[in-house]
Amino acid sequence: MQRMFSEKTDWHTPWMERVVPNVVRLVAARPERTLFTRFIPARHPGEGRGTWAHYYERWSSMTLDRLEPGLVDLVPDLARFAPPGLVFDKRTYSPWIGTDLDARLQARGIDTLVVTGGETDVCVLSTVLGAVDCGYRVVVVTDALCSSSDLAHDALLTLYRSRYGQQVETVSTRTVLENWTP
């Protein structure tokens, strides 16, 4: 839920604005238990290992050298919750690779993740599957996700329900809020 996806950039996710209020409702209920992940692009075109170098050649406008400063920041409606929420930067879609995320969550006694954000079929997908691999209970909040591809978004929700039903729960914002205990 970063400015580079909500504002008019090459990675604009048009319906992010529709889900931000639901994400805000969830974060406002548990700001101290919130972990925001931010995708940090390469500094310049061609930077990165393997296919990432080609990716940043294709998306050169989205490299840090060319982006307006601050576009990697959280959208303002969410930025006000950090702190107490923690901000965790990652350089790939997955927050699990090359980071200490799992160790940090384990140190806090976390066994369940409530996942929101964008994009459903990119960073969210990588987060969810990594969490499943690590053994977390994963709750995906369907009305607090967005993608620039409606087709891929719908396909992922179907996949979570039909193939990962034992490991991934799909619920609404309302269901989460009604079931959180004080």
N, C-alpha and C. Protein backbone atom coordinates (compact mmCIF):
# COMPACT_ATOMS: atom_id res chain seq x y z
N MET A 1 0.84 -1.18 0.00
CA MET A 1 0.00 0.00 0.00
C MET A 1 0.89 1.25 0.00
N GLN A 2 1.63 1.37 -1.09
CA GLN A 2 2.60 2.45 -1.22
C GLN A 2 2.14 3.47 -2.25
N ARG A 3 2.68 4.66 -2.12
CA ARG A 3 2.32 5.76 -3.01
C ARG A 3 2.63 5.42 -4.47
N MET A 4 3.70 4.66 -4.74
CA MET A 4 4.04 4.37 -6.13
C MET A 4 3.01 3.49 -6.83
N PHE A 5 2.13 2.87 -6.06
CA PHE A 5 1.03 2.09 -6.63
C PHE A 5 -0.28 2.87 -6.62
N SER A 6 -0.43 3.82 -5.71
CA SER A 6 -1.68 4.56 -5.61
C SER A 6 -1.69 5.81 -6.49
N GLU A 7 -0.52 6.33 -6.79
CA GLU A 7 -0.44 7.55 -7.61
C GLU A 7 -0.20 7.20 -9.08
N LYS A 8 -0.25 8.21 -9.93
CA LYS A 8 -0.13 8.01 -11.38
C LYS A 8 1.32 7.72 -11.77
N THR A 9 1.70 6.44 -11.66
CA THR A 9 3.01 5.97 -12.10
C THR A 9 2.77 4.81 -13.07
N ASP A 10 3.84 4.26 -13.58
CA ASP A 10 3.70 3.09 -14.46
C ASP A 10 3.20 1.86 -13.71
N TRP A 11 3.25 1.88 -12.40
CA TRP A 11 2.75 0.77 -11.59
C TRP A 11 1.43 1.11 -10.89
N HIS A 12 0.75 2.11 -11.36
CA HIS A 12 -0.51 2.52 -10.73
C HIS A 12 -1.49 1.35 -10.66
N THR A 13 -2.08 1.18 -9.50
CA THR A 13 -3.10 0.15 -9.25
C THR A 13 -4.41 0.89 -9.03
N PRO A 14 -5.21 1.02 -10.08
CA PRO A 14 -6.37 1.92 -10.05
C PRO A 14 -7.35 1.72 -8.90
N TRP A 15 -7.61 0.49 -8.51
CA TRP A 15 -8.62 0.36 -7.45
C TRP A 15 -8.05 0.20 -6.06
N MET A 16 -6.79 0.59 -5.87
CA MET A 16 -6.22 0.61 -4.53
C MET A 16 -7.04 1.54 -3.62
N GLU A 17 -7.47 2.66 -4.18
CA GLU A 17 -8.22 3.62 -3.36
C GLU A 17 -9.50 3.02 -2.78
N ARG A 18 -10.06 2.00 -3.43
CA ARG A 18 -11.28 1.36 -2.92
C ARG A 18 -11.01 0.48 -1.71
N VAL A 19 -9.80 -0.08 -1.60
CA VAL A 19 -9.52 -0.99 -0.48
C VAL A 19 -8.79 -0.31 0.67
N VAL A 20 -8.21 0.85 0.44
CA VAL A 20 -7.49 1.54 1.52
C VAL A 20 -8.37 1.72 2.76
N PRO A 21 -9.63 2.12 2.65
CA PRO A 21 -10.44 2.27 3.87
C PRO A 21 -10.55 0.97 4.68
N ASN A 22 -10.64 -0.17 4.03
CA ASN A 22 -10.70 -1.43 4.77
C ASN A 22 -9.37 -1.75 5.45
N VAL A 23 -8.29 -1.49 4.75
CA VAL A 23 -6.98 -1.71 5.37
C VAL A 23 -6.81 -0.78 6.57
N VAL A 24 -7.23 0.45 6.43
CA VAL A 24 -7.14 1.41 7.54
C VAL A 24 -7.97 0.91 8.74
N ARG A 25 -9.15 0.40 8.49
CA ARG A 25 -9.99 -0.12 9.59
C ARG A 25 -9.28 -1.24 10.33
N LEU A 26 -8.65 -2.14 9.60
CA LEU A 26 -7.93 -3.25 10.24
C LEU A 26 -6.72 -2.75 11.01
N VAL A 27 -5.93 -1.90 10.40
CA VAL A 27 -4.73 -1.38 11.06
C VAL A 27 -5.11 -0.56 12.29
N ALA A 28 -6.15 0.25 12.19
CA ALA A 28 -6.57 1.07 13.33
C ALA A 28 -6.99 0.21 14.52
N ALA A 29 -7.48 -0.98 14.26
CA ALA A 29 -7.89 -1.88 15.34
C ALA A 29 -6.70 -2.50 16.06
N ARG A 30 -5.57 -2.64 15.39
CA ARG A 30 -4.37 -3.27 15.97
C ARG A 30 -3.09 -2.62 15.44
N PRO A 31 -2.92 -1.31 15.62
CA PRO A 31 -1.75 -0.66 15.03
C PRO A 31 -0.42 -1.19 15.57
N GLU A 32 -0.40 -1.54 16.84
CA GLU A 32 0.85 -2.04 17.45
C GLU A 32 1.19 -3.46 16.97
N ARG A 33 0.26 -4.15 16.34
CA ARG A 33 0.48 -5.51 15.84
C ARG A 33 0.62 -5.51 14.32
N THR A 34 0.79 -4.34 13.73
CA THR A 34 0.85 -4.21 12.28
C THR A 34 2.29 -4.18 11.80
N LEU A 35 2.50 -4.91 10.72
CA LEU A 35 3.79 -4.88 10.03
C LEU A 35 3.52 -4.52 8.58
N PHE A 36 3.99 -3.38 8.16
CA PHE A 36 3.87 -2.95 6.78
C PHE A 36 5.10 -3.41 6.01
N THR A 37 4.89 -4.02 4.87
CA THR A 37 6.03 -4.32 4.00
C THR A 37 6.04 -3.32 2.86
N ARG A 38 7.23 -2.84 2.54
CA ARG A 38 7.38 -1.92 1.42
C ARG A 38 8.31 -2.55 0.39
N PHE A 39 7.87 -2.55 -0.85
CA PHE A 39 8.70 -3.02 -1.96
C PHE A 39 9.61 -1.87 -2.38
N ILE A 40 10.92 -2.11 -2.27
CA ILE A 40 11.89 -1.09 -2.63
C ILE A 40 12.53 -1.47 -3.96
N PRO A 41 12.28 -0.69 -5.02
CA PRO A 41 12.84 -1.03 -6.33
C PRO A 41 14.36 -0.84 -6.38
N ALA A 42 14.93 -1.32 -7.46
CA ALA A 42 16.37 -1.14 -7.69
C ALA A 42 16.70 0.35 -7.82
N ARG A 43 17.94 0.68 -7.57
CA ARG A 43 18.37 2.08 -7.69
C ARG A 43 18.36 2.53 -9.15
N HIS A 44 18.89 1.69 -10.09
CA HIS A 44 18.92 2.08 -11.50
C HIS A 44 18.52 0.94 -12.43
N PRO A 45 18.17 1.28 -13.66
CA PRO A 45 17.81 0.25 -14.64
C PRO A 45 18.94 -0.76 -14.80
N GLY A 46 18.57 -2.02 -14.93
CA GLY A 46 19.55 -3.07 -15.13
C GLY A 46 20.16 -3.62 -13.86
N GLU A 47 19.86 -3.01 -12.71
CA GLU A 47 20.40 -3.50 -11.44
C GLU A 47 19.63 -4.74 -11.00
N GLY A 48 20.32 -5.65 -10.36
CA GLY A 48 19.67 -6.83 -9.82
C GLY A 48 20.23 -8.11 -10.40
N ARG A 49 19.92 -9.18 -9.73
CA ARG A 49 20.42 -10.50 -10.12
C ARG A 49 19.48 -11.13 -11.15
N GLY A 50 20.05 -11.72 -12.18
CA GLY A 50 19.28 -12.49 -13.15
C GLY A 50 18.15 -11.71 -13.79
N THR A 51 16.95 -12.26 -13.72
CA THR A 51 15.80 -11.63 -14.37
C THR A 51 15.41 -10.30 -13.75
N TRP A 52 15.84 -10.03 -12.52
CA TRP A 52 15.57 -8.72 -11.93
C TRP A 52 16.25 -7.62 -12.73
N ALA A 53 17.44 -7.87 -13.26
CA ALA A 53 18.12 -6.85 -14.07
C ALA A 53 17.28 -6.51 -15.30
N HIS A 54 16.75 -7.52 -15.97
CA HIS A 54 15.90 -7.29 -17.14
C HIS A 54 14.59 -6.60 -16.74
N TYR A 55 14.06 -6.99 -15.60
CA TYR A 55 12.84 -6.38 -15.08
C TYR A 55 13.02 -4.87 -14.93
N TYR A 56 14.14 -4.47 -14.32
CA TYR A 56 14.36 -3.04 -14.09
C TYR A 56 14.80 -2.31 -15.35
N GLU A 57 15.24 -3.02 -16.36
CA GLU A 57 15.44 -2.37 -17.66
C GLU A 57 14.06 -2.04 -18.25
N ARG A 58 13.15 -2.99 -18.16
CA ARG A 58 11.78 -2.79 -18.66
C ARG A 58 11.07 -1.69 -17.88
N TRP A 59 11.22 -1.68 -16.57
CA TRP A 59 10.54 -0.72 -15.70
C TRP A 59 11.50 0.36 -15.20
N SER A 60 12.32 0.89 -16.09
CA SER A 60 13.34 1.87 -15.69
C SER A 60 12.72 3.10 -15.03
N SER A 61 11.50 3.44 -15.40
CA SER A 61 10.83 4.61 -14.80
C SER A 61 10.52 4.40 -13.33
N MET A 62 10.57 3.14 -12.88
CA MET A 62 10.22 2.83 -11.50
C MET A 62 11.44 2.56 -10.63
N THR A 63 12.62 2.90 -11.11
CA THR A 63 13.82 2.75 -10.29
C THR A 63 13.98 3.97 -9.39
N LEU A 64 14.69 3.79 -8.31
CA LEU A 64 14.83 4.87 -7.33
C LEU A 64 15.46 6.12 -7.93
N ASP A 65 16.37 5.96 -8.88
CA ASP A 65 17.00 7.12 -9.52
C ASP A 65 15.99 7.97 -10.28
N ARG A 66 14.90 7.36 -10.72
CA ARG A 66 13.94 8.08 -11.57
C ARG A 66 12.61 8.38 -10.89
N LEU A 67 12.35 7.73 -9.78
CA LEU A 67 11.10 7.97 -9.05
C LEU A 67 11.16 9.27 -8.26
N GLU A 68 10.03 9.91 -8.15
CA GLU A 68 9.92 11.07 -7.28
C GLU A 68 10.20 10.61 -5.84
N PRO A 69 11.01 11.35 -5.09
CA PRO A 69 11.27 10.96 -3.71
C PRO A 69 9.96 10.81 -2.92
N GLY A 70 9.91 9.79 -2.11
CA GLY A 70 8.73 9.57 -1.27
C GLY A 70 7.70 8.64 -1.87
N LEU A 71 7.82 8.28 -3.14
CA LEU A 71 6.83 7.39 -3.74
C LEU A 71 6.91 5.97 -3.19
N VAL A 72 8.03 5.59 -2.59
CA VAL A 72 8.10 4.26 -1.97
C VAL A 72 7.43 4.25 -0.60
N ASP A 73 7.05 5.42 -0.10
CA ASP A 73 6.42 5.52 1.21
C ASP A 73 5.01 4.91 1.19
N LEU A 74 4.54 4.57 2.37
CA LEU A 74 3.16 4.12 2.53
C LEU A 74 2.20 5.23 2.12
N VAL A 75 1.00 4.86 1.69
CA VAL A 75 -0.01 5.88 1.42
C VAL A 75 -0.27 6.64 2.73
N PRO A 76 -0.57 7.93 2.64
CA PRO A 76 -0.71 8.74 3.86
C PRO A 76 -1.69 8.19 4.89
N ASP A 77 -2.81 7.61 4.44
CA ASP A 77 -3.79 7.07 5.39
C ASP A 77 -3.21 5.96 6.26
N LEU A 78 -2.18 5.28 5.77
CA LEU A 78 -1.54 4.20 6.55
C LEU A 78 -0.26 4.66 7.22
N ALA A 79 0.45 5.59 6.61
CA ALA A 79 1.71 6.07 7.17
C ALA A 79 1.54 6.60 8.59
N ARG A 80 0.38 7.12 8.89
CA ARG A 80 0.14 7.67 10.25
C ARG A 80 0.15 6.61 11.33
N PHE A 81 0.12 5.33 10.92
CA PHE A 81 0.14 4.23 11.89
C PHE A 81 1.55 3.66 12.10
N ALA A 82 2.55 4.26 11.48
CA ALA A 82 3.92 3.78 11.63
C ALA A 82 4.81 4.89 12.18
N PRO A 83 5.23 4.81 13.43
CA PRO A 83 4.85 3.84 14.43
C PRO A 83 3.44 4.10 14.97
N PRO A 84 2.90 3.16 15.71
CA PRO A 84 3.48 1.99 16.34
C PRO A 84 3.69 0.80 15.39
N GLY A 85 3.01 0.78 14.24
CA GLY A 85 3.26 -0.29 13.29
C GLY A 85 4.69 -0.25 12.79
N LEU A 86 5.23 -1.41 12.49
CA LEU A 86 6.60 -1.50 11.99
C LEU A 86 6.61 -1.48 10.47
N VAL A 87 7.63 -0.88 9.89
CA VAL A 87 7.81 -0.86 8.44
C VAL A 87 8.98 -1.76 8.10
N PHE A 88 8.74 -2.70 7.22
CA PHE A 88 9.72 -3.71 6.84
C PHE A 88 9.95 -3.60 5.34
N ASP A 89 11.19 -3.26 4.95
CA ASP A 89 11.51 -3.10 3.54
C ASP A 89 12.00 -4.41 2.93
N LYS A 90 11.64 -4.61 1.67
CA LYS A 90 12.06 -5.81 0.94
C LYS A 90 12.41 -5.42 -0.47
N ARG A 91 13.30 -6.19 -1.08
CA ARG A 91 13.78 -5.89 -2.43
C ARG A 91 13.20 -6.81 -3.49
N THR A 92 12.45 -7.83 -3.06
CA THR A 92 11.78 -8.74 -3.98
C THR A 92 10.32 -8.82 -3.60
N TYR A 93 9.54 -9.54 -4.38
CA TYR A 93 8.12 -9.68 -4.05
C TYR A 93 7.93 -10.32 -2.68
N SER A 94 8.78 -11.26 -2.36
CA SER A 94 8.65 -12.01 -1.12
C SER A 94 9.34 -11.30 0.05
N PRO A 95 8.63 -11.17 1.17
CA PRO A 95 9.29 -10.63 2.35
C PRO A 95 10.08 -11.69 3.11
N TRP A 96 10.04 -12.93 2.65
CA TRP A 96 10.66 -14.05 3.36
C TRP A 96 12.09 -14.33 2.88
N ILE A 97 12.44 -13.90 1.69
CA ILE A 97 13.75 -14.23 1.11
C ILE A 97 14.77 -13.16 1.45
N GLY A 98 15.87 -13.60 2.05
CA GLY A 98 16.96 -12.69 2.37
C GLY A 98 16.63 -11.71 3.48
N THR A 99 15.66 -12.03 4.31
CA THR A 99 15.28 -11.15 5.41
C THR A 99 15.17 -11.95 6.71
N ASP A 100 14.96 -11.24 7.78
CA ASP A 100 14.76 -11.89 9.08
C ASP A 100 13.29 -11.83 9.51
N LEU A 101 12.39 -11.70 8.56
CA LEU A 101 10.97 -11.57 8.89
C LEU A 101 10.46 -12.73 9.74
N ASP A 102 10.74 -13.95 9.33
CA ASP A 102 10.26 -15.11 10.09
C ASP A 102 10.78 -15.07 11.53
N ALA A 103 12.06 -14.80 11.70
CA ALA A 103 12.65 -14.74 13.04
C ALA A 103 12.01 -13.63 13.88
N ARG A 104 11.73 -12.49 13.26
CA ARG A 104 11.12 -11.38 13.99
C ARG A 104 9.70 -11.73 14.44
N LEU A 105 8.95 -12.40 13.55
CA LEU A 105 7.59 -12.80 13.92
C LEU A 105 7.61 -13.85 15.01
N GLN A 106 8.51 -14.82 14.90
CA GLN A 106 8.61 -15.86 15.92
C GLN A 106 9.00 -15.26 17.27
N ALA A 107 9.90 -14.29 17.26
CA ALA A 107 10.33 -13.66 18.51
C ALA A 107 9.17 -12.95 19.21
N ARG A 108 8.19 -12.52 18.43
CA ARG A 108 7.01 -11.85 19.00
C ARG A 108 5.88 -12.83 19.30
N GLY A 109 6.12 -14.12 19.06
CA GLY A 109 5.11 -15.13 19.35
C GLY A 109 3.96 -15.15 18.35
N ILE A 110 4.18 -14.64 17.17
CA ILE A 110 3.13 -14.56 16.14
C ILE A 110 2.97 -15.93 15.48
N ASP A 111 1.73 -16.40 15.38
CA ASP A 111 1.47 -17.65 14.67
C ASP A 111 0.41 -17.49 13.57
N THR A 112 -0.23 -16.32 13.53
CA THR A 112 -1.27 -16.04 12.54
C THR A 112 -0.97 -14.71 11.87
N LEU A 113 -1.12 -14.69 10.56
CA LEU A 113 -0.93 -13.46 9.80
C LEU A 113 -2.24 -13.10 9.11
N VAL A 114 -2.66 -11.85 9.27
CA VAL A 114 -3.80 -11.30 8.55
C VAL A 114 -3.21 -10.48 7.42
N VAL A 115 -3.46 -10.91 6.19
CA VAL A 115 -2.77 -10.33 5.03
C VAL A 115 -3.72 -9.44 4.23
N THR A 116 -3.25 -8.23 3.96
CA THR A 116 -3.96 -7.26 3.13
C THR A 116 -2.95 -6.66 2.17
N GLY A 117 -3.41 -5.83 1.24
CA GLY A 117 -2.48 -5.06 0.43
C GLY A 117 -2.57 -5.29 -1.06
N GLY A 118 -1.49 -4.96 -1.73
CA GLY A 118 -1.43 -5.09 -3.18
C GLY A 118 -0.05 -5.57 -3.59
N GLU A 119 0.07 -6.14 -4.67
CA GLU A 119 -0.97 -6.61 -5.53
C GLU A 119 -1.28 -8.07 -5.22
N THR A 120 -2.55 -8.41 -5.31
CA THR A 120 -3.04 -9.75 -4.98
C THR A 120 -2.21 -10.84 -5.63
N ASP A 121 -1.84 -10.63 -6.88
CA ASP A 121 -1.19 -11.64 -7.70
C ASP A 121 0.33 -11.49 -7.78
N VAL A 122 0.90 -10.60 -6.99
CA VAL A 122 2.34 -10.40 -7.02
C VAL A 122 2.87 -10.49 -5.57
N CYS A 123 3.01 -9.36 -4.92
CA CYS A 123 3.58 -9.35 -3.56
C CYS A 123 2.70 -10.09 -2.55
N VAL A 124 1.39 -9.93 -2.66
CA VAL A 124 0.52 -10.64 -1.72
C VAL A 124 0.65 -12.14 -1.91
N LEU A 125 0.65 -12.58 -3.15
CA LEU A 125 0.81 -14.01 -3.44
C LEU A 125 2.11 -14.54 -2.84
N SER A 126 3.20 -13.83 -3.05
CA SER A 126 4.49 -14.26 -2.53
C SER A 126 4.50 -14.28 -1.00
N THR A 127 3.87 -13.31 -0.40
CA THR A 127 3.77 -13.26 1.06
C THR A 127 2.96 -14.43 1.59
N VAL A 128 1.83 -14.69 0.98
CA VAL A 128 0.94 -15.77 1.44
C VAL A 128 1.62 -17.12 1.31
N LEU A 129 2.19 -17.42 0.15
CA LEU A 129 2.81 -18.74 -0.03
C LEU A 129 4.03 -18.92 0.88
N GLY A 130 4.80 -17.87 1.08
CA GLY A 130 5.93 -17.96 2.01
C GLY A 130 5.47 -18.19 3.43
N ALA A 131 4.38 -17.53 3.82
CA ALA A 131 3.83 -17.73 5.17
C ALA A 131 3.34 -19.16 5.35
N VAL A 132 2.69 -19.70 4.32
CA VAL A 132 2.25 -21.10 4.37
C VAL A 132 3.47 -22.01 4.53
N ASP A 133 4.51 -21.76 3.75
CA ASP A 133 5.73 -22.58 3.84
C ASP A 133 6.35 -22.52 5.24
N CYS A 134 6.22 -21.38 5.89
CA CYS A 134 6.77 -21.22 7.25
C CYS A 134 5.84 -21.77 8.32
N GLY A 135 4.64 -22.18 7.95
CA GLY A 135 3.71 -22.79 8.89
C GLY A 135 2.76 -21.85 9.60
N TYR A 136 2.66 -20.60 9.14
CA TYR A 136 1.74 -19.66 9.76
C TYR A 136 0.30 -19.94 9.36
N ARG A 137 -0.61 -19.64 10.25
CA ARG A 137 -2.02 -19.57 9.88
C ARG A 137 -2.15 -18.28 9.08
N VAL A 138 -2.75 -18.36 7.90
CA VAL A 138 -2.84 -17.19 7.02
C VAL A 138 -4.30 -16.85 6.79
N VAL A 139 -4.65 -15.61 7.10
CA VAL A 139 -6.00 -15.09 6.89
C VAL A 139 -5.87 -13.98 5.84
N VAL A 140 -6.44 -14.22 4.67
CA VAL A 140 -6.41 -13.25 3.58
C VAL A 140 -7.73 -12.48 3.61
N VAL A 141 -7.62 -11.17 3.70
CA VAL A 141 -8.81 -10.32 3.79
C VAL A 141 -9.18 -9.88 2.37
N THR A 142 -10.19 -10.51 1.83
CA THR A 142 -10.50 -10.38 0.40
C THR A 142 -10.91 -8.97 -0.02
N ASP A 143 -11.55 -8.22 0.85
CA ASP A 143 -11.95 -6.86 0.47
C ASP A 143 -10.92 -5.82 0.91
N ALA A 144 -9.72 -6.29 1.26
CA ALA A 144 -8.61 -5.40 1.60
C ALA A 144 -7.39 -5.75 0.75
N LEU A 145 -7.66 -6.26 -0.45
CA LEU A 145 -6.63 -6.60 -1.44
C LEU A 145 -6.94 -5.86 -2.73
N CYS A 146 -5.91 -5.59 -3.51
CA CYS A 146 -6.13 -4.97 -4.81
C CYS A 146 -5.06 -5.45 -5.79
N SER A 147 -5.41 -5.31 -7.05
CA SER A 147 -4.50 -5.67 -8.13
C SER A 147 -4.79 -4.78 -9.32
N SER A 148 -3.84 -4.69 -10.21
CA SER A 148 -4.10 -3.97 -11.46
C SER A 148 -4.73 -4.90 -12.49
N SER A 149 -4.88 -6.17 -12.13
CA SER A 149 -5.51 -7.16 -13.01
C SER A 149 -6.68 -7.82 -12.29
N ASP A 150 -7.89 -7.49 -12.70
CA ASP A 150 -9.07 -8.10 -12.11
C ASP A 150 -9.07 -9.61 -12.31
N LEU A 151 -8.67 -10.05 -13.50
CA LEU A 151 -8.65 -11.47 -13.82
C LEU A 151 -7.71 -12.23 -12.89
N ALA A 152 -6.50 -11.70 -12.69
CA ALA A 152 -5.53 -12.37 -11.82
C ALA A 152 -5.98 -12.32 -10.35
N HIS A 153 -6.55 -11.19 -9.94
CA HIS A 153 -7.07 -11.07 -8.57
C HIS A 153 -8.11 -12.15 -8.30
N ASP A 154 -9.10 -12.25 -9.19
CA ASP A 154 -10.16 -13.25 -9.02
C ASP A 154 -9.60 -14.66 -9.05
N ALA A 155 -8.65 -14.92 -9.94
CA ALA A 155 -8.05 -16.26 -10.03
C ALA A 155 -7.33 -16.62 -8.74
N LEU A 156 -6.63 -15.67 -8.14
CA LEU A 156 -5.91 -15.96 -6.89
C LEU A 156 -6.88 -16.23 -5.75
N LEU A 157 -7.97 -15.50 -5.66
CA LEU A 157 -8.94 -15.77 -4.61
C LEU A 157 -9.55 -17.16 -4.79
N THR A 158 -9.80 -17.54 -6.04
CA THR A 158 -10.30 -18.89 -6.32
C THR A 158 -9.26 -19.93 -5.93
N LEU A 159 -8.02 -19.68 -6.26
CA LEU A 159 -6.93 -20.60 -5.91
C LEU A 159 -6.81 -20.77 -4.40
N TYR A 160 -6.84 -19.66 -3.66
CA TYR A 160 -6.75 -19.76 -2.20
C TYR A 160 -7.87 -20.62 -1.64
N ARG A 161 -9.06 -20.43 -2.15
CA ARG A 161 -10.22 -21.17 -1.63
C ARG A 161 -10.23 -22.63 -2.06
N SER A 162 -9.84 -22.90 -3.32
CA SER A 162 -9.97 -24.26 -3.83
C SER A 162 -8.74 -25.14 -3.59
N ARG A 163 -7.56 -24.56 -3.54
CA ARG A 163 -6.34 -25.36 -3.40
C ARG A 163 -5.66 -25.22 -2.05
N TYR A 164 -5.85 -24.10 -1.39
CA TYR A 164 -5.14 -23.84 -0.13
C TYR A 164 -6.07 -23.70 1.06
N GLY A 165 -7.27 -24.23 0.95
CA GLY A 165 -8.27 -24.08 1.99
C GLY A 165 -7.84 -24.58 3.36
N GLN A 166 -6.92 -25.52 3.40
CA GLN A 166 -6.42 -26.04 4.69
C GLN A 166 -5.43 -25.08 5.33
N GLN A 167 -4.81 -24.22 4.51
CA GLN A 167 -3.75 -23.35 5.02
C GLN A 167 -4.04 -21.87 4.88
N VAL A 168 -5.00 -21.50 4.06
CA VAL A 168 -5.32 -20.10 3.82
C VAL A 168 -6.82 -19.90 4.01
N GLU A 169 -7.17 -18.98 4.89
CA GLU A 169 -8.56 -18.62 5.10
C GLU A 169 -8.84 -17.32 4.37
N THR A 170 -9.97 -17.23 3.70
CA THR A 170 -10.36 -15.99 3.03
C THR A 170 -11.59 -15.45 3.73
N VAL A 171 -11.49 -14.20 4.17
CA VAL A 171 -12.56 -13.58 4.95
C VAL A 171 -12.68 -12.10 4.57
N SER A 172 -13.73 -11.47 5.08
CA SER A 172 -13.93 -10.03 4.86
C SER A 172 -13.34 -9.23 6.02
N THR A 173 -13.17 -7.95 5.79
CA THR A 173 -12.73 -7.04 6.86
C THR A 173 -13.68 -7.14 8.05
N ARG A 174 -14.95 -7.13 7.77
CA ARG A 174 -15.95 -7.20 8.84
C ARG A 174 -15.76 -8.46 9.69
N THR A 175 -15.53 -9.59 9.04
CA THR A 175 -15.34 -10.85 9.78
C THR A 175 -14.13 -10.77 10.70
N VAL A 176 -13.04 -10.22 10.20
CA VAL A 176 -11.84 -10.09 11.04
C VAL A 176 -12.16 -9.21 12.25
N LEU A 177 -12.73 -8.05 12.01
CA LEU A 177 -12.99 -7.10 13.09
C LEU A 177 -13.98 -7.67 14.11
N GLU A 178 -14.97 -8.40 13.66
CA GLU A 178 -15.95 -9.00 14.58
C GLU A 178 -15.35 -10.12 15.43
N ASN A 179 -14.28 -10.73 14.94
CA ASN A 179 -13.71 -11.88 15.65
C ASN A 179 -12.44 -11.59 16.42
N TRP A 180 -11.91 -10.39 16.30
CA TRP A 180 -10.76 -10.03 17.11
C TRP A 180 -11.24 -9.74 18.52
N THR A 181 -10.56 -10.31 19.48
CA THR A 181 -10.92 -10.03 20.86
C THR A 181 -10.03 -8.91 21.39
N PRO A 182 -10.56 -8.15 22.35
CA PRO A 182 -9.76 -7.02 22.89
C PRO A 182 -8.48 -7.50 23.56
